Amino acid sequence: MFNGRITEKFYLTVIFMILFSTTIYSETLFRVSGKVVYNGKGLSGVLLEFSKVKGTFSKEIKTNNEGNFHVYLPSGTYKVMSEGKDGYVSKEIIRIIKVAGKNIENLVIPFEKGCEIYGVVKENGGIPIKEGHIIISNRRGIVMSETDGSGRYYARGVRYDKNTKISLYVDGYHEIKKEIKLLKEGEKKEINFILKKGPVIKGKIVDVETKKPIKDVFIAALCNVWLIYRSDSNEKGEFRLMNAKKGYYIMMFFHPFYKYKIKIYKFNKKE
């Protein structure tokens, strides 16, 4: 058996070992500093994120009033991404830098004036369509927007590219795509959409056992192999696919609390 003295020494030794083993390991940090610029002038308040390519480490920093920034990082390869500011966007979606044993000074991140795309989405009767989802994409990035109560949308910070696509997704309608050319930075374009009324596929979704309507079921419909419709069921379990085309529909129903279902449906009505 241990006596009181041995026990005291034993505990002191254990405490010392615990303290020693939990000493914080201080990894060497290196200073990365630079500037975010547009036409040679600094941009203030730009949010930069430095994320390690391997691992979960990341750090955010904002530029000061002169557009300067500095951050301290451990060694590694980093992705540098930035958030657009006041319609300005970085010329590169991602910049890769390598921090290896020394500080990095005078890192310049050039910005450009983003293009502006705006317009109105209406039915052919002039009724504005709200909550229409706009996706503008090209090889240099993606920008999203949504129509308001008056059917208007406004997208800033689109990087110019001669091959740019604008897609419109509206609940109940099939996807509509347009191709546009953005040939220079800061270009502005008005792109309007008129959605034609046509035949409608209607339906109602209920629980098999309770017979109660199911809300927020996502419906995706593939018509004649390529034409995609999407909709969501409302509080009454009802959904609509607007301006439906003749043909065969592969209809898929998804809800987080129910097993997904697939049905094939033939639609041949004229109205």
Protein backbone atom coordinates (compact mmCIF):
# COMPACT_ATOMS: atom_id res chain seq x y z
CA MET A 1 0.00 0.00 0.00
CA PHE A 2 1.04 3.58 -0.62
CA ASN A 3 1.56 5.74 2.39
CA GLY A 4 0.51 9.39 2.48
CA ARG A 5 3.91 10.71 1.30
CA ILE A 6 4.20 8.37 -1.67
CA THR A 7 0.62 9.10 -2.63
CA GLU A 8 1.29 12.85 -2.57
CA LYS A 9 4.37 12.48 -4.80
CA PHE A 10 2.43 10.21 -7.11
CA TYR A 11 -0.36 12.73 -7.60
CA LEU A 12 2.11 15.60 -8.10
CA THR A 13 3.85 13.56 -10.81
CA VAL A 14 0.53 12.81 -12.55
CA ILE A 15 -0.53 16.46 -12.42
CA PHE A 16 2.85 17.55 -13.86
CA MET A 17 2.55 15.01 -16.70
CA ILE A 18 -0.99 16.17 -17.51
CA LEU A 19 0.05 19.82 -17.57
CA PHE A 20 3.06 19.03 -19.73
CA SER A 21 1.08 16.89 -22.18
CA THR A 22 -1.64 19.56 -22.60
CA THR A 23 0.80 22.39 -23.29
CA ILE A 24 -0.54 24.20 -26.36
CA TYR A 25 1.54 23.55 -29.42
CA SER A 26 2.23 26.86 -31.09
CA GLU A 27 2.47 26.40 -34.87
CA THR A 28 4.57 28.91 -36.78
CA LEU A 29 2.42 31.53 -38.49
CA PHE A 30 3.38 33.56 -41.54
CA ARG A 31 2.08 36.97 -42.51
CA VAL A 32 0.19 37.24 -45.80
CA SER A 33 -0.52 40.81 -46.81
CA GLY A 34 -1.73 42.54 -49.92
CA LYS A 35 -4.38 44.71 -51.51
CA VAL A 36 -7.70 44.39 -53.33
CA VAL A 37 -7.74 46.84 -56.23
CA TYR A 38 -9.95 48.08 -59.05
CA ASN A 39 -8.16 50.12 -61.72
CA GLY A 40 -5.25 50.56 -59.34
CA LYS A 41 -7.36 51.91 -56.46
CA GLY A 42 -7.99 50.00 -53.25
CA LEU A 43 -11.45 48.64 -52.44
CA SER A 44 -12.53 48.82 -48.80
CA GLY A 45 -14.70 46.35 -46.90
CA VAL A 46 -14.08 43.39 -49.21
CA LEU A 47 -14.41 40.07 -47.39
CA LEU A 48 -11.62 37.58 -48.15
CA GLU A 49 -11.57 33.94 -47.10
CA PHE A 50 -8.38 31.88 -46.91
CA SER A 51 -9.19 28.14 -46.82
CA LYS A 52 -6.68 25.31 -46.72
CA VAL A 53 -6.95 23.04 -49.74
CA LYS A 54 -6.38 20.04 -47.46
CA GLY A 55 -8.16 20.24 -44.15
CA THR A 56 -10.84 22.42 -42.59
CA PHE A 57 -8.77 25.44 -41.52
CA SER A 58 -10.05 28.77 -42.83
CA LYS A 59 -9.80 32.41 -41.90
CA GLU A 60 -11.72 35.50 -42.97
CA ILE A 61 -10.51 39.09 -43.12
CA LYS A 62 -11.87 42.37 -44.51
CA THR A 63 -9.87 45.01 -46.35
CA ASN A 64 -9.36 48.37 -44.64
CA ASN A 65 -10.25 51.80 -46.01
CA GLU A 66 -7.32 51.68 -48.44
CA GLY A 67 -8.08 48.16 -49.62
CA ASN A 68 -5.17 46.62 -47.69
CA PHE A 69 -5.31 43.41 -45.70
CA HIS A 70 -3.06 41.14 -43.70
CA VAL A 71 -3.61 37.76 -42.12
CA TYR A 72 -1.43 35.23 -40.26
CA LEU A 73 -1.55 31.65 -41.56
CA PRO A 74 0.27 28.37 -40.90
CA SER A 75 2.11 26.69 -43.76
CA GLY A 76 -0.04 25.14 -46.45
CA THR A 77 -1.78 25.64 -49.78
CA TYR A 78 -4.78 27.96 -49.65
CA LYS A 79 -7.76 28.91 -51.77
CA VAL A 80 -8.39 32.65 -51.65
CA MET A 81 -12.01 33.56 -52.36
CA SER A 82 -13.69 36.93 -52.13
CA GLU A 83 -17.19 38.28 -51.79
CA GLY A 84 -18.37 40.86 -54.29
CA LYS A 85 -18.77 44.43 -53.08
CA ASP A 86 -21.04 47.14 -54.53
CA GLY A 87 -21.17 45.43 -57.93
CA TYR A 88 -17.42 44.77 -58.07
CA VAL A 89 -16.14 41.18 -58.28
CA SER A 90 -12.74 39.53 -58.35
CA LYS A 91 -11.37 38.72 -61.79
CA GLU A 92 -10.56 35.23 -60.57
CA ILE A 93 -13.14 33.03 -58.85
CA ILE A 94 -10.39 31.35 -56.82
CA ARG A 95 -6.74 32.27 -56.29
CA ILE A 96 -4.37 29.55 -55.10
CA ILE A 97 -1.43 30.58 -52.90
CA LYS A 98 1.23 28.54 -51.11
CA VAL A 99 2.46 29.57 -47.67
CA ALA A 100 5.79 27.81 -47.16
CA GLY A 101 8.34 29.00 -44.62
CA LYS A 102 8.18 32.74 -45.26
CA ASN A 103 5.85 35.74 -45.33
CA ILE A 104 3.97 36.72 -48.49
CA GLU A 105 3.93 40.44 -49.18
CA ASN A 106 2.19 42.59 -51.80
CA LEU A 107 -0.41 40.00 -52.86
CA VAL A 108 -2.62 41.87 -55.32
CA ILE A 109 -6.20 40.70 -55.92
CA PRO A 110 -7.63 42.56 -58.94
CA PHE A 111 -11.34 43.29 -59.18
CA GLU A 112 -13.51 44.28 -62.12
CA LYS A 113 -16.85 46.04 -62.51
CA GLY A 114 -19.48 43.32 -62.70
CA CYS A 115 -22.21 43.34 -65.32
CA GLU A 116 -25.82 44.06 -64.37
CA ILE A 117 -28.73 41.95 -65.61
CA TYR A 118 -32.27 43.03 -64.85
CA GLY A 119 -35.79 42.59 -66.15
CA VAL A 120 -39.38 41.60 -65.51
CA VAL A 121 -41.09 38.21 -65.52
CA LYS A 122 -44.80 38.24 -66.42
CA GLU A 123 -47.53 36.04 -67.77
CA ASN A 124 -48.72 36.96 -71.25
CA GLY A 125 -51.73 38.66 -69.68
CA GLY A 126 -49.43 41.14 -67.94
CA ILE A 127 -49.63 39.55 -64.49
CA PRO A 128 -46.23 39.78 -62.73
CA ILE A 129 -44.74 36.55 -61.43
CA LYS A 130 -43.05 36.67 -58.05
CA GLU A 131 -40.56 34.20 -56.60
CA GLY A 132 -39.16 33.35 -60.02
CA HIS A 133 -35.62 32.02 -59.64
CA ILE A 134 -33.00 33.48 -61.99
CA ILE A 135 -29.62 31.78 -62.50
CA ILE A 136 -26.98 33.51 -64.63
CA SER A 137 -24.00 31.32 -65.44
CA ASN A 138 -20.90 31.24 -67.60
CA ARG A 139 -17.34 29.93 -67.41
CA ARG A 140 -16.43 32.67 -64.92
CA GLY A 141 -19.08 32.08 -62.28
CA ILE A 142 -22.73 31.94 -61.24
CA VAL A 143 -25.03 34.69 -59.93
CA MET A 144 -28.57 34.11 -58.67
CA SER A 145 -31.54 36.41 -58.22
CA GLU A 146 -35.29 36.24 -57.55
CA THR A 147 -38.26 38.22 -58.78
CA ASP A 148 -40.10 40.44 -56.30
CA GLY A 149 -43.83 41.11 -55.93
CA SER A 150 -43.85 43.16 -59.14
CA GLY A 151 -42.04 40.44 -61.11
CA ARG A 152 -38.79 42.40 -61.25
CA TYR A 153 -35.33 40.96 -60.70
CA TYR A 154 -31.90 42.54 -60.55
CA ALA A 155 -28.55 40.73 -60.63
CA ARG A 156 -25.26 42.53 -59.99
CA GLY A 157 -21.69 41.32 -60.09
CA VAL A 158 -21.95 39.09 -63.16
CA ARG A 159 -18.53 38.46 -64.71
CA TYR A 160 -18.55 39.19 -68.43
CA ASP A 161 -18.32 36.32 -70.91
CA LYS A 162 -19.56 36.06 -74.47
CA ASN A 163 -21.18 32.69 -73.71
CA THR A 164 -23.54 33.45 -70.82
CA LYS A 165 -26.79 31.65 -70.04
CA ILE A 166 -29.72 32.96 -68.06
CA SER A 167 -32.20 30.40 -66.75
CA LEU A 168 -35.62 31.04 -65.25
CA TYR A 169 -37.29 28.61 -62.85
CA VAL A 170 -40.88 29.37 -61.83
CA ASP A 171 -43.03 27.08 -59.74
CA GLY A 172 -45.31 25.13 -62.06
CA TYR A 173 -43.59 26.14 -65.32
CA HIS A 174 -40.91 24.41 -67.31
CA GLU A 175 -37.42 25.85 -67.20
CA ILE A 176 -36.75 28.68 -69.67
CA LYS A 177 -33.23 29.43 -70.91
CA LYS A 178 -31.78 32.29 -72.92
CA GLU A 179 -28.27 32.90 -74.19
CA ILE A 180 -26.76 36.36 -73.95
CA LYS A 181 -23.40 37.94 -74.75
CA LEU A 182 -21.55 40.01 -72.17
CA LEU A 183 -18.56 41.44 -73.99
CA LYS A 184 -17.15 43.92 -71.48
CA GLU A 185 -17.11 44.60 -67.77
CA GLY A 186 -19.85 46.79 -66.35
CA GLU A 187 -22.21 46.01 -69.22
CA LYS A 188 -25.95 46.35 -68.49
CA LYS A 189 -28.65 44.26 -70.13
CA GLU A 190 -32.41 44.09 -69.75
CA ILE A 191 -33.74 40.56 -70.21
CA ASN A 192 -37.51 40.13 -69.83
CA PHE A 193 -39.52 36.92 -69.77
CA ILE A 194 -43.13 36.43 -70.86
CA LEU A 195 -44.62 33.14 -69.72
CA LYS A 196 -47.50 31.97 -71.85
CA LYS A 197 -50.59 30.47 -70.32
CA GLY A 198 -51.53 27.10 -71.67
CA PRO A 199 -52.81 23.68 -70.68
CA VAL A 200 -52.41 22.88 -67.00
CA ILE A 201 -51.74 19.58 -65.27
CA LYS A 202 -53.28 19.72 -61.81
CA GLY A 203 -53.05 17.29 -58.95
CA LYS A 204 -53.46 16.75 -55.25
CA ILE A 205 -51.22 14.78 -52.91
CA VAL A 206 -52.63 13.12 -49.78
CA ASP A 207 -51.45 10.71 -47.13
CA VAL A 208 -52.62 7.19 -47.99
CA GLU A 209 -53.63 6.38 -44.42
CA THR A 210 -54.95 9.66 -43.04
CA LYS A 211 -56.22 11.06 -46.38
CA LYS A 212 -54.91 14.45 -45.26
CA PRO A 213 -53.19 16.71 -47.81
CA ILE A 214 -49.38 16.82 -47.77
CA LYS A 215 -47.71 20.20 -48.03
CA ASP A 216 -44.25 20.96 -49.49
CA VAL A 217 -43.96 17.91 -51.72
CA PHE A 218 -41.43 18.68 -54.44
CA ILE A 219 -42.61 17.58 -57.88
CA ALA A 220 -40.20 17.22 -60.79
CA ALA A 221 -41.61 16.22 -64.17
CA LEU A 222 -39.66 15.18 -67.22
CA CYS A 223 -41.65 15.64 -70.43
CA ASN A 224 -40.64 13.97 -73.70
CA VAL A 225 -37.20 13.17 -72.27
CA TRP A 226 -35.83 16.72 -72.03
CA LEU A 227 -38.40 19.33 -70.89
CA ILE A 228 -38.28 19.75 -67.11
CA TYR A 229 -41.09 21.14 -64.94
CA ARG A 230 -41.00 21.68 -61.20
CA SER A 231 -43.57 22.54 -58.57
CA ASP A 232 -44.35 22.29 -54.85
CA SER A 233 -47.62 21.25 -53.26
CA ASN A 234 -49.43 23.93 -51.25
CA GLU A 235 -51.23 23.64 -47.90
CA LYS A 236 -54.09 21.80 -49.59
CA GLY A 237 -51.67 19.35 -51.18
CA GLU A 238 -52.37 20.82 -54.61
CA PHE A 239 -49.84 21.41 -57.38
CA ARG A 240 -49.90 22.70 -60.95
CA LEU A 241 -47.69 22.26 -64.00
CA MET A 242 -48.33 25.30 -66.19
CA ASN A 243 -48.22 25.55 -69.98
CA ALA A 244 -47.98 21.77 -70.23
CA LYS A 245 -46.94 20.18 -73.50
CA LYS A 246 -48.45 17.08 -75.02
CA GLY A 247 -46.55 13.91 -74.36
CA TYR A 248 -45.42 11.46 -71.74
CA TYR A 249 -44.40 12.70 -68.30
CA ILE A 250 -42.13 10.98 -65.83
CA MET A 251 -43.31 12.54 -62.58
CA MET A 252 -41.22 12.30 -59.42
CA PHE A 253 -42.50 13.20 -55.95
CA PHE A 254 -40.15 13.94 -53.06
CA HIS A 255 -40.80 14.74 -49.39
CA PRO A 256 -38.37 14.37 -46.44
CA PHE A 257 -40.84 12.30 -44.39
CA TYR A 258 -42.22 10.04 -47.14
CA LYS A 259 -40.79 7.54 -49.56
CA TYR A 260 -40.26 9.07 -52.98
CA LYS A 261 -42.63 8.05 -55.77
CA ILE A 262 -42.33 7.93 -59.56
CA LYS A 263 -45.31 7.85 -61.95
CA ILE A 264 -45.60 7.86 -65.74
CA TYR A 265 -48.45 9.96 -67.09
CA LYS A 266 -49.66 10.65 -70.62
CA PHE A 267 -51.02 14.14 -71.27
CA ASN A 268 -52.85 14.80 -74.55
CA LYS A 269 -55.37 17.55 -73.80
CA LYS A 270 -55.49 20.57 -76.07
CA GLU A 271 -56.44 22.95 -73.28
